[in-house]
Amino acid sequence: MCKKCIWGLLGFMTIINIKVNEKEKKQIQEFSAARHIKSASEFIRQAVVEKILLGQHERADTEDSSIPDYIPPIKFVALVKGVVVAIGDTPSEVTRIAMEKFSQDPIIVKYNGVLKRNPPEYVYITLEPPECGH
């Protein structure tokens, strides 16, 4: 490859330097090798993308994900972006319905009822990057 092509490629790449100690470096290399990731750099890129996706899909505020009054008592409800997308008797039922419709969005599952202990709250999120046309 000629120098012009190499510099053209480098012009589209952003380089970020990070400092890690030897122990962390070794852990990254071992983890990358065990997961068949081609390099430590690729592992770091994947970790950054995963962290960004998690940040973009942070859980909605409690008032945005509250259960509306029209939901029958003693039911589970799945919410996506604060909107009810499924109502059912089990968390797995409402999650399945919600995943069929909104597989790329975070899904919050809540119980509309009173339990003797705090009701469980479930949040589902996909860590796969969104599909693009490239």
C-alpha atoms as a PDB file:
ATOM      1  CA  MET A   1       0.000   0.000   0.000  1.00  0.00           C
ATOM      2  CA  CYS A   2       1.367   3.432  -0.900  1.00  0.00           C
ATOM      3  CA  LYS A   3       1.981   6.165   1.686  1.00  0.00           C
ATOM      4  CA  LYS A   4      -0.926   8.226   0.341  1.00  0.00           C
ATOM      5  CA  CYS A   5      -3.365   5.335   0.924  1.00  0.00           C
ATOM      6  CA  ILE A   6      -1.999   4.654   4.405  1.00  0.00           C
ATOM      7  CA  TRP A   7      -2.317   8.305   5.417  1.00  0.00           C
ATOM      8  CA  GLY A   8      -5.820   8.370   3.951  1.00  0.00           C
ATOM      9  CA  LEU A   9      -6.793   5.413   6.125  1.00  0.00           C
ATOM     10  CA  LEU A  10      -5.243   6.978   9.193  1.00  0.00           C
ATOM     11  CA  GLY A  11      -7.130  10.203   8.504  1.00  0.00           C
ATOM     12  CA  PHE A  12     -10.432   8.371   9.101  1.00  0.00           C
ATOM     13  CA  MET A  13      -9.289   6.650  12.275  1.00  0.00           C
ATOM     14  CA  THR A  14      -9.288   8.214  15.705  1.00  0.00           C
ATOM     15  CA  ILE A  15      -6.566   7.003  18.010  1.00  0.00           C
ATOM     16  CA  ILE A  16      -7.142   7.139  21.743  1.00  0.00           C
ATOM     17  CA  ASN A  17      -4.342   6.215  24.101  1.00  0.00           C
ATOM     18  CA  ILE A  18      -5.206   4.659  27.426  1.00  0.00           C
ATOM     19  CA  LYS A  19      -2.837   3.704  30.190  1.00  0.00           C
ATOM     20  CA  VAL A  20      -3.307   0.388  31.967  1.00  0.00           C
ATOM     21  CA  ASN A  21      -1.033  -1.325  34.432  1.00  0.00           C
ATOM     22  CA  GLU A  22       0.636  -4.640  33.598  1.00  0.00           C
ATOM     23  CA  LYS A  23      -1.907  -6.694  35.541  1.00  0.00           C
ATOM     24  CA  GLU A  24      -4.830  -5.135  33.632  1.00  0.00           C
ATOM     25  CA  LYS A  25      -2.966  -5.546  30.343  1.00  0.00           C
ATOM     26  CA  LYS A  26      -2.441  -9.240  31.020  1.00  0.00           C
ATOM     27  CA  GLN A  27      -6.098  -9.694  32.042  1.00  0.00           C
ATOM     28  CA  ILE A  28      -7.267  -8.011  28.833  1.00  0.00           C
ATOM     29  CA  GLN A  29      -5.008 -10.214  26.727  1.00  0.00           C
ATOM     30  CA  GLU A  30      -6.119 -13.407  28.498  1.00  0.00           C
ATOM     31  CA  PHE A  31      -9.785 -12.456  28.266  1.00  0.00           C
ATOM     32  CA  SER A  32      -9.431 -11.602  24.561  1.00  0.00           C
ATOM     33  CA  ALA A  33      -7.694 -14.889  23.810  1.00  0.00           C
ATOM     34  CA  ALA A  34     -10.241 -16.943  25.769  1.00  0.00           C
ATOM     35  CA  ARG A  35     -13.133 -15.322  23.855  1.00  0.00           C
ATOM     36  CA  HIS A  36     -11.346 -15.633  20.484  1.00  0.00           C
ATOM     37  CA  ILE A  37     -11.227 -11.860  20.037  1.00  0.00           C
ATOM     38  CA  LYS A  38      -8.510 -11.074  17.521  1.00  0.00           C
ATOM     39  CA  SER A  39      -6.692  -8.444  19.609  1.00  0.00           C
ATOM     40  CA  ALA A  40      -6.728  -6.491  22.842  1.00  0.00           C
ATOM     41  CA  SER A  41      -7.609  -3.394  20.803  1.00  0.00           C
ATOM     42  CA  GLU A  42     -10.681  -5.129  19.396  1.00  0.00           C
ATOM     43  CA  PHE A  43     -11.693  -6.135  22.935  1.00  0.00           C
ATOM     44  CA  ILE A  44     -11.375  -2.510  24.105  1.00  0.00           C
ATOM     45  CA  ARG A  45     -13.432  -1.292  21.110  1.00  0.00           C
ATOM     46  CA  GLN A  46     -16.176  -3.830  21.895  1.00  0.00           C
ATOM     47  CA  ALA A  47     -16.175  -2.859  25.569  1.00  0.00           C
ATOM     48  CA  VAL A  48     -16.497   0.835  24.697  1.00  0.00           C
ATOM     49  CA  VAL A  49     -19.358   0.187  22.251  1.00  0.00           C
ATOM     50  CA  GLU A  50     -21.116  -1.953  24.862  1.00  0.00           C
ATOM     51  CA  LYS A  51     -20.744   0.765  27.505  1.00  0.00           C
ATOM     52  CA  ILE A  52     -22.050   3.414  25.089  1.00  0.00           C
ATOM     53  CA  LEU A  53     -25.073   1.272  24.224  1.00  0.00           C
ATOM     54  CA  LEU A  54     -25.819   0.737  27.900  1.00  0.00           C
ATOM     55  CA  GLY A  55     -25.583   4.474  28.477  1.00  0.00           C
ATOM     56  CA  GLN A  56     -27.949   5.195  25.593  1.00  0.00           C
ATOM     57  CA  HIS A  57     -30.479   2.724  26.934  1.00  0.00           C
ATOM     58  CA  GLU A  58     -30.419   3.783  30.548  1.00  0.00           C
ATOM     59  CA  ARG A  59     -33.486   2.869  32.438  1.00  0.00           C
ATOM     60  CA  ALA A  60     -36.301   5.403  32.269  1.00  0.00           C
ATOM     61  CA  ASP A  61     -37.175   7.401  35.373  1.00  0.00           C
ATOM     62  CA  THR A  62     -39.667   5.783  37.718  1.00  0.00           C
ATOM     63  CA  GLU A  63     -42.475   8.148  36.771  1.00  0.00           C
ATOM     64  CA  ASP A  64     -41.887   7.420  33.062  1.00  0.00           C
ATOM     65  CA  SER A  65     -42.240   3.699  33.696  1.00  0.00           C
ATOM     66  CA  SER A  66     -45.140   3.744  36.136  1.00  0.00           C
ATOM     67  CA  ILE A  67     -48.030   1.351  35.620  1.00  0.00           C
ATOM     68  CA  PRO A  68     -51.169   3.100  34.270  1.00  0.00           C
ATOM     69  CA  ASP A  69     -54.444   2.862  36.199  1.00  0.00           C
ATOM     70  CA  TYR A  70     -56.225   0.841  33.504  1.00  0.00           C
ATOM     71  CA  ILE A  71     -53.934  -2.198  33.996  1.00  0.00           C
ATOM     72  CA  PRO A  72     -55.803  -4.949  35.903  1.00  0.00           C
ATOM     73  CA  PRO A  73     -54.420  -5.840  39.337  1.00  0.00           C
ATOM     74  CA  ILE A  74     -52.236  -8.908  39.842  1.00  0.00           C
ATOM     75  CA  LYS A  75     -50.805  -8.709  36.298  1.00  0.00           C
ATOM     76  CA  PHE A  76     -47.337  -8.230  34.880  1.00  0.00           C
ATOM     77  CA  VAL A  77     -46.827  -5.401  32.434  1.00  0.00           C
ATOM     78  CA  ALA A  78     -44.005  -4.757  29.941  1.00  0.00           C
ATOM     79  CA  LEU A  79     -43.110  -1.155  29.200  1.00  0.00           C
ATOM     80  CA  VAL A  80     -40.920   0.211  26.416  1.00  0.00           C
ATOM     81  CA  LYS A  81     -40.012   3.897  26.664  1.00  0.00           C
ATOM     82  CA  GLY A  82     -42.754   4.294  29.282  1.00  0.00           C
ATOM     83  CA  VAL A  83     -45.462   2.819  27.028  1.00  0.00           C
ATOM     84  CA  VAL A  84     -47.341  -0.400  27.866  1.00  0.00           C
ATOM     85  CA  VAL A  85     -46.613  -3.010  25.185  1.00  0.00           C
ATOM     86  CA  ALA A  86     -47.783  -6.207  26.894  1.00  0.00           C
ATOM     87  CA  ILE A  87     -49.946  -7.397  29.799  1.00  0.00           C
ATOM     88  CA  GLY A  88     -49.874 -10.963  31.127  1.00  0.00           C
ATOM     89  CA  ASP A  89     -49.735 -13.383  34.036  1.00  0.00           C
ATOM     90  CA  THR A  90     -45.976 -14.053  34.027  1.00  0.00           C
ATOM     91  CA  PRO A  91     -42.830 -12.007  33.402  1.00  0.00           C
ATOM     92  CA  SER A  92     -41.756 -14.426  30.654  1.00  0.00           C
ATOM     93  CA  GLU A  93     -45.075 -14.020  28.816  1.00  0.00           C
ATOM     94  CA  VAL A  94     -44.918 -10.221  28.691  1.00  0.00           C
ATOM     95  CA  THR A  95     -41.197 -10.272  27.881  1.00  0.00           C
ATOM     96  CA  ARG A  96     -41.758 -12.626  24.929  1.00  0.00           C
ATOM     97  CA  ILE A  97     -44.502 -10.381  23.523  1.00  0.00           C
ATOM     98  CA  ALA A  98     -42.422  -7.244  24.022  1.00  0.00           C
ATOM     99  CA  MET A  99     -39.297  -8.812  22.460  1.00  0.00           C
ATOM    100  CA  GLU A 100     -41.271  -9.755  19.340  1.00  0.00           C
ATOM    101  CA  LYS A 101     -42.222  -6.116  18.842  1.00  0.00           C
ATOM    102  CA  PHE A 102     -39.299  -4.169  20.330  1.00  0.00           C
ATOM    103  CA  SER A 103     -36.165  -6.315  20.305  1.00  0.00           C
ATOM    104  CA  GLN A 104     -33.789  -3.319  20.102  1.00  0.00           C
ATOM    105  CA  ASP A 105     -35.300  -1.274  22.935  1.00  0.00           C
ATOM    106  CA  PRO A 106     -34.961  -1.704  26.705  1.00  0.00           C
ATOM    107  CA  ILE A 107     -37.960  -3.493  28.195  1.00  0.00           C
ATOM    108  CA  ILE A 108     -39.097  -2.910  31.772  1.00  0.00           C
ATOM    109  CA  VAL A 109     -41.343  -5.553  33.362  1.00  0.00           C
ATOM    110  CA  LYS A 110     -43.341  -4.629  36.464  1.00  0.00           C
ATOM    111  CA  TYR A 111     -45.954  -6.325  38.611  1.00  0.00           C
ATOM    112  CA  ASN A 112     -49.254  -4.529  39.221  1.00  0.00           C
ATOM    113  CA  GLY A 113     -50.158  -5.736  42.662  1.00  0.00           C
ATOM    114  CA  VAL A 114     -49.045  -5.914  46.239  1.00  0.00           C
ATOM    115  CA  LEU A 115     -46.654  -8.589  47.396  1.00  0.00           C
ATOM    116  CA  LYS A 116     -45.486  -9.293  50.920  1.00  0.00           C
ATOM    117  CA  ARG A 117     -42.013  -8.397  49.775  1.00  0.00           C
ATOM    118  CA  ASN A 118     -40.845  -5.823  47.249  1.00  0.00           C
ATOM    119  CA  PRO A 119     -41.985  -6.915  43.793  1.00  0.00           C
ATOM    120  CA  PRO A 120     -39.224  -7.904  41.407  1.00  0.00           C
ATOM    121  CA  GLU A 121     -38.490  -5.505  38.598  1.00  0.00           C
ATOM    122  CA  TYR A 122     -36.917  -6.738  35.403  1.00  0.00           C
ATOM    123  CA  VAL A 123     -35.030  -4.770  32.760  1.00  0.00           C
ATOM    124  CA  TYR A 124     -34.057  -6.419  29.479  1.00  0.00           C
ATOM    125  CA  ILE A 125     -31.659  -4.909  26.988  1.00  0.00           C
ATOM    126  CA  THR A 126     -29.871  -6.174  23.939  1.00  0.00           C
ATOM    127  CA  LEU A 127     -26.172  -5.477  23.731  1.00  0.00           C
ATOM    128  CA  GLU A 128     -25.953  -6.055  20.002  1.00  0.00           C
ATOM    129  CA  PRO A 129     -25.288  -2.839  18.093  1.00  0.00           C
ATOM    130  CA  PRO A 130     -28.311  -1.567  16.186  1.00  0.00           C
ATOM    131  CA  GLU A 131     -28.565  -2.672  12.575  1.00  0.00           C
ATOM    132  CA  CYS A 132     -27.326  -0.182   9.993  1.00  0.00           C
ATOM    133  CA  GLY A 133     -27.313  -0.089   6.226  1.00  0.00           C
ATOM    134  CA  HIS A 134     -23.528  -0.267   5.789  1.00  0.00           C
END
